[in-house]
Amino acid sequence: MNNLKKTVLTLFIWLSSFTFIYADDHSSVNASVIIPKEEVDATLLEGLSRIAGDRSISDIVVRHIDVGEEYLGVSVVQRDKVEVSDTETGIAHIALDEIYYIVAGQGTMVTGGQFKNPTKINSDLLGGMLRGEIVDGTLQPVKVGDIAIIPKGMPHGWHEITTDTISYIIFRADPTEEMAIKNSSDQPR
């Protein structure tokens, strides 16, 4: 089985079981971590207030935990409306696999293809990334309820966001422990 198929299968199984069994520290805790709907809703509202100010994107880590051989995390992301541009731009995570679950809004993602003259950057939140113009990417419309699986290394970005904002929950697999641990809602966002 090639790496992409294994990654997609692993992420699908992980997403399917995420809400039922999400171990905080499986070696020392005998119960899963439950992220209550009220916390998710409050995080969605916090993100919207962030982009209502001077930001065009909000990425808030809800949990990011050590599950033994890797870290797993969930974040809430919101973005402002994006108009169609002559140039597609985006990022690719060097070590993170992501699953987006769209909870509000709609738009068109650009995924795949290649970068033209990428710049390597290091995000305090997300670790190593490539950023740049995407050529030969695939445009894919998304709406509420859709899920996008984005393997590490795949260029991705937003071709267009047709609603005033889009909100999505990201599940991140982090095998090289790029992101900081966040075990509870009491930790800073």
C-alpha atoms as a PDB file:
ATOM      1  CA  MET A   1       0.000   0.000   0.000  1.00  0.00           C
ATOM      2  CA  ASN A   2       1.525   3.355  -0.953  1.00  0.00           C
ATOM      3  CA  ASN A   3       2.183   6.068   1.658  1.00  0.00           C
ATOM      4  CA  LEU A   4      -0.748   8.292   0.611  1.00  0.00           C
ATOM      5  CA  LYS A   5      -3.241   5.420   0.923  1.00  0.00           C
ATOM      6  CA  LYS A   6      -1.810   4.446   4.310  1.00  0.00           C
ATOM      7  CA  THR A   7      -1.982   8.069   5.494  1.00  0.00           C
ATOM      8  CA  VAL A   8      -5.578   8.494   4.276  1.00  0.00           C
ATOM      9  CA  LEU A   9      -6.639   5.203   5.871  1.00  0.00           C
ATOM     10  CA  THR A  10      -4.903   6.060   9.148  1.00  0.00           C
ATOM     11  CA  LEU A  11      -6.440   9.535   9.258  1.00  0.00           C
ATOM     12  CA  PHE A  12      -9.895   8.194   8.382  1.00  0.00           C
ATOM     13  CA  ILE A  13      -9.744   5.647  11.194  1.00  0.00           C
ATOM     14  CA  TRP A  14      -8.404   8.309  13.549  1.00  0.00           C
ATOM     15  CA  LEU A  15     -11.168  10.768  12.617  1.00  0.00           C
ATOM     16  CA  SER A  16     -13.865   8.084  12.900  1.00  0.00           C
ATOM     17  CA  SER A  17     -12.800   7.195  16.426  1.00  0.00           C
ATOM     18  CA  PHE A  18     -11.693  10.667  17.526  1.00  0.00           C
ATOM     19  CA  THR A  19     -14.840  11.661  19.409  1.00  0.00           C
ATOM     20  CA  PHE A  20     -15.063   8.337  21.197  1.00  0.00           C
ATOM     21  CA  ILE A  21     -11.500   7.485  22.196  1.00  0.00           C
ATOM     22  CA  TYR A  22      -9.052  10.327  22.393  1.00  0.00           C
ATOM     23  CA  ALA A  23      -6.499   9.395  25.052  1.00  0.00           C
ATOM     24  CA  ASP A  24      -4.751  12.260  26.869  1.00  0.00           C
ATOM     25  CA  ASP A  25      -1.761  10.252  28.061  1.00  0.00           C
ATOM     26  CA  HIS A  26      -2.666   6.644  27.521  1.00  0.00           C
ATOM     27  CA  SER A  27       0.085   5.415  29.801  1.00  0.00           C
ATOM     28  CA  SER A  28      -1.140   7.301  32.875  1.00  0.00           C
ATOM     29  CA  VAL A  29      -4.826   8.095  32.284  1.00  0.00           C
ATOM     30  CA  ASN A  30      -7.570   5.503  32.209  1.00  0.00           C
ATOM     31  CA  ALA A  31     -10.155   7.607  30.374  1.00  0.00           C
ATOM     32  CA  SER A  32     -10.441   9.441  27.083  1.00  0.00           C
ATOM     33  CA  VAL A  33     -10.417  13.219  26.788  1.00  0.00           C
ATOM     34  CA  ILE A  34     -13.806  14.672  26.010  1.00  0.00           C
ATOM     35  CA  ILE A  35     -13.959  18.141  24.501  1.00  0.00           C
ATOM     36  CA  PRO A  36     -17.465  19.372  25.332  1.00  0.00           C
ATOM     37  CA  LYS A  37     -19.609  21.009  22.654  1.00  0.00           C
ATOM     38  CA  GLU A  38     -19.771  24.126  24.835  1.00  0.00           C
ATOM     39  CA  GLU A  39     -15.981  24.463  24.680  1.00  0.00           C
ATOM     40  CA  VAL A  40     -15.947  23.992  20.913  1.00  0.00           C
ATOM     41  CA  ASP A  41     -18.745  26.581  20.523  1.00  0.00           C
ATOM     42  CA  ALA A  42     -16.910  29.054  22.798  1.00  0.00           C
ATOM     43  CA  THR A  43     -13.728  28.540  20.772  1.00  0.00           C
ATOM     44  CA  LEU A  44     -15.630  29.154  17.531  1.00  0.00           C
ATOM     45  CA  LEU A  45     -16.955  32.432  18.970  1.00  0.00           C
ATOM     46  CA  GLU A  46     -13.483  33.440  20.173  1.00  0.00           C
ATOM     47  CA  GLY A  47     -12.085  32.825  16.706  1.00  0.00           C
ATOM     48  CA  LEU A  48     -14.806  34.904  15.071  1.00  0.00           C
ATOM     49  CA  SER A  49     -14.063  37.773  17.448  1.00  0.00           C
ATOM     50  CA  ARG A  50     -10.364  37.536  16.508  1.00  0.00           C
ATOM     51  CA  ILE A  51     -11.058  37.873  12.778  1.00  0.00           C
ATOM     52  CA  ALA A  52     -13.568  40.653  13.412  1.00  0.00           C
ATOM     53  CA  GLY A  53     -10.572  42.674  14.632  1.00  0.00           C
ATOM     54  CA  ASP A  54      -7.304  42.993  12.754  1.00  0.00           C
ATOM     55  CA  ARG A  55      -6.777  39.333  11.802  1.00  0.00           C
ATOM     56  CA  SER A  56      -7.867  37.527   8.655  1.00  0.00           C
ATOM     57  CA  ILE A  57      -7.301  34.062  10.179  1.00  0.00           C
ATOM     58  CA  SER A  58      -7.664  32.528  13.630  1.00  0.00           C
ATOM     59  CA  ASP A  59      -6.179  29.118  14.481  1.00  0.00           C
ATOM     60  CA  ILE A  60      -6.891  28.128  18.097  1.00  0.00           C
ATOM     61  CA  VAL A  61      -5.531  24.854  19.477  1.00  0.00           C
ATOM     62  CA  VAL A  62      -8.230  23.165  21.577  1.00  0.00           C
ATOM     63  CA  ARG A  63      -6.110  20.118  22.501  1.00  0.00           C
ATOM     64  CA  HIS A  64      -2.801  18.692  21.310  1.00  0.00           C
ATOM     65  CA  ILE A  65      -1.795  15.608  23.244  1.00  0.00           C
ATOM     66  CA  ASP A  66       0.842  12.910  23.457  1.00  0.00           C
ATOM     67  CA  VAL A  67      -0.614   9.539  22.473  1.00  0.00           C
ATOM     68  CA  GLY A  68       2.619   7.596  22.610  1.00  0.00           C
ATOM     69  CA  GLU A  69       4.291   7.399  19.215  1.00  0.00           C
ATOM     70  CA  GLU A  70       2.984  10.799  18.070  1.00  0.00           C
ATOM     71  CA  TYR A  71       0.920  13.794  19.072  1.00  0.00           C
ATOM     72  CA  LEU A  72      -2.698  14.254  17.990  1.00  0.00           C
ATOM     73  CA  GLY A  73      -4.549  17.519  18.100  1.00  0.00           C
ATOM     74  CA  VAL A  74      -7.700  19.413  17.325  1.00  0.00           C
ATOM     75  CA  SER A  75      -7.916  23.110  16.495  1.00  0.00           C
ATOM     76  CA  VAL A  76     -10.665  25.514  15.490  1.00  0.00           C
ATOM     77  CA  VAL A  77      -9.891  27.744  12.495  1.00  0.00           C
ATOM     78  CA  GLN A  78     -11.753  30.674  10.987  1.00  0.00           C
ATOM     79  CA  ARG A  79     -10.899  32.748   7.930  1.00  0.00           C
ATOM     80  CA  ASP A  80     -12.280  35.892   6.365  1.00  0.00           C
ATOM     81  CA  LYS A  81     -13.739  35.965   2.875  1.00  0.00           C
ATOM     82  CA  VAL A  82     -11.162  35.389   0.113  1.00  0.00           C
ATOM     83  CA  GLU A  83     -11.670  36.760  -3.393  1.00  0.00           C
ATOM     84  CA  VAL A  84     -10.448  34.885  -6.458  1.00  0.00           C
ATOM     85  CA  SER A  85      -6.912  35.894  -7.419  1.00  0.00           C
ATOM     86  CA  ASP A  86      -4.814  35.438 -10.557  1.00  0.00           C
ATOM     87  CA  THR A  87      -2.246  33.577  -8.442  1.00  0.00           C
ATOM     88  CA  GLU A  88      -2.972  30.597  -6.195  1.00  0.00           C
ATOM     89  CA  THR A  89      -0.927  30.689  -2.988  1.00  0.00           C
ATOM     90  CA  GLY A  90      -0.749  28.373  -0.041  1.00  0.00           C
ATOM     91  CA  ILE A  91       1.332  26.352   2.367  1.00  0.00           C
ATOM     92  CA  ALA A  92       2.438  22.765   2.903  1.00  0.00           C
ATOM     93  CA  HIS A  93       3.189  21.335   6.332  1.00  0.00           C
ATOM     94  CA  ILE A  94       6.450  19.441   6.369  1.00  0.00           C
ATOM     95  CA  ALA A  95       5.439  17.084   9.188  1.00  0.00           C
ATOM     96  CA  LEU A  96       1.696  17.510   9.905  1.00  0.00           C
ATOM     97  CA  ASP A  97      -1.189  15.601   8.344  1.00  0.00           C
ATOM     98  CA  GLU A  98      -4.497  17.480   8.589  1.00  0.00           C
ATOM     99  CA  ILE A  99      -8.190  16.740   8.324  1.00  0.00           C
ATOM    100  CA  TYR A 100     -10.555  19.707   7.905  1.00  0.00           C
ATOM    101  CA  TYR A 101     -14.200  19.373   8.952  1.00  0.00           C
ATOM    102  CA  ILE A 102     -16.182  22.369   7.647  1.00  0.00           C
ATOM    103  CA  VAL A 103     -18.697  23.612  10.248  1.00  0.00           C
ATOM    104  CA  ALA A 104     -19.767  26.991   8.747  1.00  0.00           C
ATOM    105  CA  GLY A 105     -19.359  28.783   5.425  1.00  0.00           C
ATOM    106  CA  GLN A 106     -18.186  27.588   2.057  1.00  0.00           C
ATOM    107  CA  GLY A 107     -15.465  28.120  -0.486  1.00  0.00           C
ATOM    108  CA  THR A 108     -13.061  26.493  -2.891  1.00  0.00           C
ATOM    109  CA  MET A 109      -9.773  25.001  -1.777  1.00  0.00           C
ATOM    110  CA  VAL A 110      -6.722  24.560  -3.974  1.00  0.00           C
ATOM    111  CA  THR A 111      -4.785  21.401  -3.132  1.00  0.00           C
ATOM    112  CA  GLY A 112      -1.968  19.449  -4.674  1.00  0.00           C
ATOM    113  CA  GLY A 113       0.163  20.659  -7.541  1.00  0.00           C
ATOM    114  CA  GLN A 114       3.634  22.068  -6.962  1.00  0.00           C
ATOM    115  CA  PHE A 115       5.109  25.209  -5.480  1.00  0.00           C
ATOM    116  CA  LYS A 116       6.853  27.702  -7.726  1.00  0.00           C
ATOM    117  CA  ASN A 117       9.897  29.035  -5.802  1.00  0.00           C
ATOM    118  CA  PRO A 118       8.672  28.081  -2.297  1.00  0.00           C
ATOM    119  CA  THR A 119       9.932  29.744   0.855  1.00  0.00           C
ATOM    120  CA  LYS A 120      10.644  27.561   3.884  1.00  0.00           C
ATOM    121  CA  ILE A 121       9.267  29.068   7.079  1.00  0.00           C
ATOM    122  CA  ASN A 122       8.974  27.955  10.680  1.00  0.00           C
ATOM    123  CA  SER A 123       5.687  28.703  12.417  1.00  0.00           C
ATOM    124  CA  ASP A 124       5.687  28.982  16.207  1.00  0.00           C
ATOM    125  CA  LEU A 125       2.354  27.147  16.177  1.00  0.00           C
ATOM    126  CA  LEU A 126       2.701  24.617  13.350  1.00  0.00           C
ATOM    127  CA  GLY A 127       6.425  23.993  12.872  1.00  0.00           C
ATOM    128  CA  GLY A 128       8.136  23.788   9.489  1.00  0.00           C
ATOM    129  CA  MET A 129       6.201  24.752   6.379  1.00  0.00           C
ATOM    130  CA  LEU A 130       6.662  25.702   2.753  1.00  0.00           C
ATOM    131  CA  ARG A 131       4.810  28.760   1.437  1.00  0.00           C
ATOM    132  CA  GLY A 132       4.420  30.039  -2.090  1.00  0.00           C
ATOM    133  CA  GLU A 133       2.594  30.090  -5.389  1.00  0.00           C
ATOM    134  CA  ILE A 134       0.801  26.830  -6.211  1.00  0.00           C
ATOM    135  CA  VAL A 135       0.834  25.700  -9.844  1.00  0.00           C
ATOM    136  CA  ASP A 136      -1.297  22.886 -11.280  1.00  0.00           C
ATOM    137  CA  GLY A 137      -3.316  22.535  -8.062  1.00  0.00           C
ATOM    138  CA  THR A 138      -6.829  21.087  -8.031  1.00  0.00           C
ATOM    139  CA  LEU A 139      -9.780  23.349  -7.181  1.00  0.00           C
ATOM    140  CA  GLN A 140     -12.265  21.637  -4.853  1.00  0.00           C
ATOM    141  CA  PRO A 141     -15.446  23.283  -3.525  1.00  0.00           C
ATOM    142  CA  VAL A 142     -16.248  22.663   0.162  1.00  0.00           C
ATOM    143  CA  LYS A 143     -19.332  23.374   2.264  1.00  0.00           C
ATOM    144  CA  VAL A 144     -20.686  22.618   5.726  1.00  0.00           C
ATOM    145  CA  GLY A 145     -20.267  18.939   6.561  1.00  0.00           C
ATOM    146  CA  ASP A 146     -17.467  18.305   4.047  1.00  0.00           C
ATOM    147  CA  ILE A 147     -14.149  16.792   5.121  1.00  0.00           C
ATOM    148  CA  ALA A 148     -10.791  17.431   3.440  1.00  0.00           C
ATOM    149  CA  ILE A 149      -7.799  15.188   4.107  1.00  0.00           C
ATOM    150  CA  ILE A 150      -4.486  16.957   3.510  1.00  0.00           C
ATOM    151  CA  PRO A 151      -1.360  14.787   3.806  1.00  0.00           C
ATOM    152  CA  LYS A 152       1.923  16.320   4.982  1.00  0.00           C
ATOM    153  CA  GLY A 153       3.838  17.949   2.149  1.00  0.00           C
ATOM    154  CA  MET A 154       0.736  18.705   0.056  1.00  0.00           C
ATOM    155  CA  PRO A 155       0.357  22.333  -1.044  1.00  0.00           C
ATOM    156  CA  HIS A 156      -3.009  23.734   0.015  1.00  0.00           C
ATOM    157  CA  GLY A 157      -4.771  27.053   0.285  1.00  0.00           C
ATOM    158  CA  TRP A 158      -8.012  28.883  -0.423  1.00  0.00           C
ATOM    159  CA  HIS A 159      -8.856  29.800  -4.007  1.00  0.00           C
ATOM    160  CA  GLU A 160     -11.995  31.538  -2.772  1.00  0.00           C
ATOM    161  CA  ILE A 161     -14.149  31.802   0.341  1.00  0.00           C
ATOM    162  CA  THR A 162     -17.605  32.826  -0.854  1.00  0.00           C
ATOM    163  CA  THR A 163     -19.174  33.490   2.543  1.00  0.00           C
ATOM    164  CA  ASP A 164     -18.089  36.295   4.897  1.00  0.00           C
ATOM    165  CA  THR A 165     -16.185  33.697   6.951  1.00  0.00           C
ATOM    166  CA  ILE A 166     -15.494  29.993   6.955  1.00  0.00           C
ATOM    167  CA  SER A 167     -15.060  27.920  10.113  1.00  0.00           C
ATOM    168  CA  TYR A 168     -13.564  24.457  10.300  1.00  0.00           C
ATOM    169  CA  ILE A 169     -12.201  22.043  12.845  1.00  0.00           C
ATOM    170  CA  ILE A 170      -8.747  20.668  12.047  1.00  0.00           C
ATOM    171  CA  PHE A 171      -7.551  17.322  13.337  1.00  0.00           C
ATOM    172  CA  ARG A 172      -3.739  17.171  13.168  1.00  0.00           C
ATOM    173  CA  ALA A 173      -1.477  14.115  13.283  1.00  0.00           C
ATOM    174  CA  ASP A 174       1.952  15.220  14.493  1.00  0.00           C
ATOM    175  CA  PRO A 175       4.438  12.312  14.400  1.00  0.00           C
ATOM    176  CA  THR A 176       7.528  14.502  14.897  1.00  0.00           C
ATOM    177  CA  GLU A 177       6.033  16.527  17.766  1.00  0.00           C
ATOM    178  CA  GLU A 178       6.141  19.892  15.986  1.00  0.00           C
ATOM    179  CA  MET A 179       3.367  21.453  18.064  1.00  0.00           C
ATOM    180  CA  ALA A 180       3.292  22.144  21.794  1.00  0.00           C
ATOM    181  CA  ILE A 181       1.230  19.933  24.095  1.00  0.00           C
ATOM    182  CA  LYS A 182      -2.099  21.338  25.291  1.00  0.00           C
ATOM    183  CA  ASN A 183      -3.841  18.938  27.681  1.00  0.00           C
ATOM    184  CA  SER A 184      -6.663  21.103  29.021  1.00  0.00           C
ATOM    185  CA  SER A 185      -8.859  24.099  28.348  1.00  0.00           C
ATOM    186  CA  ASP A 186      -7.090  25.890  31.230  1.00  0.00           C
ATOM    187  CA  GLN A 187      -3.909  26.344  29.181  1.00  0.00           C
ATOM    188  CA  PRO A 188      -3.501  29.584  27.183  1.00  0.00           C
ATOM    189  CA  ARG A 189      -4.685  29.700  23.608  1.00  0.00           C
END
